[in-house]
PDB file of N, CA and C in Angstrom:
ATOM      1  N   UNK A   1      -6.286  13.143   3.382  1.00  0.00           N
ATOM      2  CA  UNK A   1      -6.004  12.562   4.668  1.00  0.00           C
ATOM      3  C   UNK A   1      -6.732  11.235   4.841  1.00  0.00           C
ATOM      4  N   UNK A   2      -7.932  11.132   4.313  1.00  0.00           N
ATOM      5  CA  UNK A   2      -8.689   9.883   4.441  1.00  0.00           C
ATOM      6  C   UNK A   2      -7.994   8.750   3.718  1.00  0.00           C
ATOM      7  N   UNK A   3      -7.346   9.051   2.607  1.00  0.00           N
ATOM      8  CA  UNK A   3      -6.636   8.013   1.861  1.00  0.00           C
ATOM      9  C   UNK A   3      -5.476   7.460   2.678  1.00  0.00           C
ATOM     10  N   UNK A   4      -4.769   8.329   3.368  1.00  0.00           N
ATOM     11  CA  UNK A   4      -3.658   7.881   4.210  1.00  0.00           C
ATOM     12  C   UNK A   4      -4.171   6.971   5.311  1.00  0.00           C
ATOM     13  N   UNK A   5      -5.282   7.327   5.915  1.00  0.00           N
ATOM     14  CA  UNK A   5      -5.877   6.489   6.961  1.00  0.00           C
ATOM     15  C   UNK A   5      -6.299   5.144   6.395  1.00  0.00           C
ATOM     16  N   UNK A   6      -6.901   5.154   5.223  1.00  0.00           N
ATOM     17  CA  UNK A   6      -7.325   3.911   4.583  1.00  0.00           C
ATOM     18  C   UNK A   6      -6.117   3.041   4.266  1.00  0.00           C
ATOM     19  N   UNK A   7      -5.054   3.629   3.758  1.00  0.00           N
ATOM     20  CA  UNK A   7      -3.839   2.877   3.448  1.00  0.00           C
ATOM     21  C   UNK A   7      -3.269   2.226   4.698  1.00  0.00           C
ATOM     22  N   UNK A   8      -3.258   2.951   5.794  1.00  0.00           N
ATOM     23  CA  UNK A   8      -2.729   2.406   7.041  1.00  0.00           C
ATOM     24  C   UNK A   8      -3.568   1.239   7.529  1.00  0.00           C
ATOM     25  N   UNK A   9      -4.883   1.350   7.426  1.00  0.00           N
ATOM     26  CA  UNK A   9      -5.771   0.266   7.858  1.00  0.00           C
ATOM     27  C   UNK A   9      -5.572  -0.962   6.985  1.00  0.00           C
ATOM     28  N   UNK A  10      -5.525  -0.777   5.688  1.00  0.00           N
ATOM     29  CA  UNK A  10      -5.330  -1.902   4.770  1.00  0.00           C
ATOM     30  C   UNK A  10      -3.978  -2.557   5.031  1.00  0.00           C
ATOM     31  N   UNK A  11      -2.949  -1.776   5.236  1.00  0.00           N
ATOM     32  CA  UNK A  11      -1.607  -2.315   5.457  1.00  0.00           C
ATOM     33  C   UNK A  11      -1.542  -3.152   6.725  1.00  0.00           C
ATOM     34  N   UNK A  12      -2.254  -2.738   7.757  1.00  0.00           N
ATOM     35  CA  UNK A  12      -2.208  -3.464   9.027  1.00  0.00           C
ATOM     36  C   UNK A  12      -3.094  -4.691   9.058  1.00  0.00           C
ATOM     37  N   UNK A  13      -4.201  -4.677   8.348  1.00  0.00           N
ATOM     38  CA  UNK A  13      -5.212  -5.713   8.550  1.00  0.00           C
ATOM     39  C   UNK A  13      -5.253  -6.811   7.498  1.00  0.00           C
ATOM     40  N   UNK A  14      -4.579  -6.655   6.388  1.00  0.00           N
ATOM     41  CA  UNK A  14      -4.655  -7.683   5.347  1.00  0.00           C
ATOM     42  C   UNK A  14      -3.309  -8.382   5.181  1.00  0.00           C
ATOM     43  N   UNK A  15      -3.335  -9.667   4.853  1.00  0.00           N
ATOM     44  CA  UNK A  15      -2.083 -10.403   4.665  1.00  0.00           C
ATOM     45  C   UNK A  15      -1.386 -10.008   3.362  1.00  0.00           C
ATOM     46  N   UNK A  16      -0.085 -10.272   3.304  1.00  0.00           N
ATOM     47  CA  UNK A  16       0.664  -9.989   2.070  1.00  0.00           C
ATOM     48  C   UNK A  16       0.097 -10.820   0.929  1.00  0.00           C
ATOM     49  N   UNK A  17       0.074 -10.255  -0.260  1.00  0.00           N
ATOM     50  CA  UNK A  17      -0.441 -10.958  -1.430  1.00  0.00           C
ATOM     51  C   UNK A  17      -1.930 -10.773  -1.649  1.00  0.00           C
ATOM     52  N   UNK A  18      -2.615 -10.160  -0.703  1.00  0.00           N
ATOM     53  CA  UNK A  18      -4.053  -9.901  -0.844  1.00  0.00           C
ATOM     54  C   UNK A  18      -4.256  -8.922  -2.003  1.00  0.00           C
ATOM     55  N   UNK A  19      -5.305  -9.117  -2.767  1.00  0.00           N
ATOM     56  CA  UNK A  19      -5.545  -8.289  -3.958  1.00  0.00           C
ATOM     57  C   UNK A  19      -5.634  -6.801  -3.610  1.00  0.00           C
ATOM     58  N   UNK A  20      -6.195  -6.471  -2.456  1.00  0.00           N
ATOM     59  CA  UNK A  20      -6.292  -5.064  -2.054  1.00  0.00           C
ATOM     60  C   UNK A  20      -4.907  -4.447  -1.893  1.00  0.00           C
ATOM     61  N   UNK A  21      -3.983  -5.213  -1.336  1.00  0.00           N
ATOM     62  CA  UNK A  21      -2.623  -4.703  -1.171  1.00  0.00           C
ATOM     63  C   UNK A  21      -1.918  -4.581  -2.516  1.00  0.00           C
ATOM     64  N   UNK A  22      -2.185  -5.482  -3.418  1.00  0.00           N
ATOM     65  CA  UNK A  22      -1.578  -5.400  -4.739  1.00  0.00           C
ATOM     66  C   UNK A  22      -2.037  -4.139  -5.458  1.00  0.00           C
ATOM     67  N   UNK A  23      -3.315  -3.845  -5.360  1.00  0.00           N
ATOM     68  CA  UNK A  23      -3.858  -2.634  -5.987  1.00  0.00           C
ATOM     69  C   UNK A  23      -3.293  -1.396  -5.311  1.00  0.00           C
ATOM     70  N   UNK A  24      -3.227  -1.418  -3.989  1.00  0.00           N
ATOM     71  CA  UNK A  24      -2.671  -0.286  -3.251  1.00  0.00           C
ATOM     72  C   UNK A  24      -1.209  -0.059  -3.628  1.00  0.00           C
ATOM     73  N   UNK A  25      -0.428  -1.124  -3.730  1.00  0.00           N
ATOM     74  CA  UNK A  25       0.981  -1.006  -4.111  1.00  0.00           C
ATOM     75  C   UNK A  25       1.114  -0.436  -5.519  1.00  0.00           C
ATOM     76  N   UNK A  26       0.289  -0.922  -6.428  1.00  0.00           N
ATOM     77  CA  UNK A  26       0.302  -0.413  -7.807  1.00  0.00           C
ATOM     78  C   UNK A  26      -0.012   1.082  -7.828  1.00  0.00           C
ATOM     79  N   UNK A  27      -1.039   1.488  -7.072  1.00  0.00           N
ATOM     80  CA  UNK A  27      -1.438   2.890  -7.033  1.00  0.00           C
ATOM     81  C   UNK A  27      -0.342   3.744  -6.405  1.00  0.00           C
ATOM     82  N   UNK A  28       0.197   3.298  -5.269  1.00  0.00           N
ATOM     83  CA  UNK A  28       1.251   4.063  -4.599  1.00  0.00           C
ATOM     84  C   UNK A  28       2.459   4.255  -5.505  1.00  0.00           C
ATOM     85  N   UNK A  29       2.884   3.192  -6.164  1.00  0.00           N
ATOM     86  CA  UNK A  29       4.062   3.285  -7.021  1.00  0.00           C
ATOM     87  C   UNK A  29       3.814   4.199  -8.219  1.00  0.00           C
ATOM     88  N   UNK A  30       2.617   4.154  -8.754  1.00  0.00           N
ATOM     89  CA  UNK A  30       2.310   4.958  -9.929  1.00  0.00           C
ATOM     90  C   UNK A  30       2.032   6.418  -9.654  1.00  0.00           C
ATOM     91  N   UNK A  31       1.551   6.728  -8.461  1.00  0.00           N
ATOM     92  CA  UNK A  31       1.111   8.092  -8.163  1.00  0.00           C
ATOM     93  C   UNK A  31       1.985   8.855  -7.178  1.00  0.00           C
ATOM     94  N   UNK A  32       2.953   8.188  -6.571  1.00  0.00           N
ATOM     95  CA  UNK A  32       3.802   8.851  -5.580  1.00  0.00           C
ATOM     96  C   UNK A  32       5.263   8.586  -5.907  1.00  0.00           C
ATOM     97  N   UNK A  33       6.145   9.129  -5.087  1.00  0.00           N
ATOM     98  CA  UNK A  33       7.575   8.900  -5.269  1.00  0.00           C
ATOM     99  C   UNK A  33       8.090   7.799  -4.351  1.00  0.00           C
ATOM    100  N   UNK A  34       7.191   7.024  -3.792  1.00  0.00           N
ATOM    101  CA  UNK A  34       7.572   5.938  -2.889  1.00  0.00           C
ATOM    102  C   UNK A  34       8.295   4.850  -3.683  1.00  0.00           C
ATOM    103  N   UNK A  35       9.411   4.384  -3.137  1.00  0.00           N
ATOM    104  CA  UNK A  35      10.193   3.338  -3.800  1.00  0.00           C
ATOM    105  C   UNK A  35       9.516   1.981  -3.649  1.00  0.00           C
ATOM    106  N   UNK A  36       9.762   1.101  -4.601  1.00  0.00           N
ATOM    107  CA  UNK A  36       9.192  -0.256  -4.533  1.00  0.00           C
ATOM    108  C   UNK A  36       9.643  -0.986  -3.279  1.00  0.00           C
ATOM    109  N   UNK A  37      10.878  -0.750  -2.891  1.00  0.00           N
ATOM    110  CA  UNK A  37      11.378  -1.416  -1.681  1.00  0.00           C
ATOM    111  C   UNK A  37      10.564  -1.011  -0.458  1.00  0.00           C
ATOM    112  N   UNK A  38      10.275   0.278  -0.305  1.00  0.00           N
ATOM    113  CA  UNK A  38       9.476   0.739   0.828  1.00  0.00           C
ATOM    114  C   UNK A  38       8.094   0.099   0.790  1.00  0.00           C
ATOM    115  N   UNK A  39       7.495   0.051  -0.377  1.00  0.00           N
ATOM    116  CA  UNK A  39       6.169  -0.553  -0.519  1.00  0.00           C
ATOM    117  C   UNK A  39       6.220  -2.015  -0.096  1.00  0.00           C
ATOM    118  N   UNK A  40       7.211  -2.743  -0.567  1.00  0.00           N
ATOM    119  CA  UNK A  40       7.321  -4.166  -0.238  1.00  0.00           C
ATOM    120  C   UNK A  40       7.533  -4.389   1.254  1.00  0.00           C
ATOM    121  N   UNK A  41       8.293  -3.532   1.880  1.00  0.00           N
ATOM    122  CA  UNK A  41       8.569  -3.699   3.308  1.00  0.00           C
ATOM    123  C   UNK A  41       7.396  -3.272   4.184  1.00  0.00           C
ATOM    124  N   UNK A  42       6.620  -2.319   3.735  1.00  0.00           N
ATOM    125  CA  UNK A  42       5.586  -1.744   4.591  1.00  0.00           C
ATOM    126  C   UNK A  42       4.172  -2.201   4.291  1.00  0.00           C
ATOM    127  N   UNK A  43       3.962  -2.892   3.198  1.00  0.00           N
ATOM    128  CA  UNK A  43       2.606  -3.383   2.923  1.00  0.00           C
ATOM    129  C   UNK A  43       2.511  -4.833   3.222  1.00  0.00           C
TER     130      UNK A  43
END
């Protein structure tokens, strides 16, 4: 649950292209069934 909260905070507070978002997108795509399109639209 803490990871979900952290993801939401990072998604809201950092601009697109920030290294933290790139790492988060890489992790989400590799470890979940989330589509790349969803990641691009929501991060």
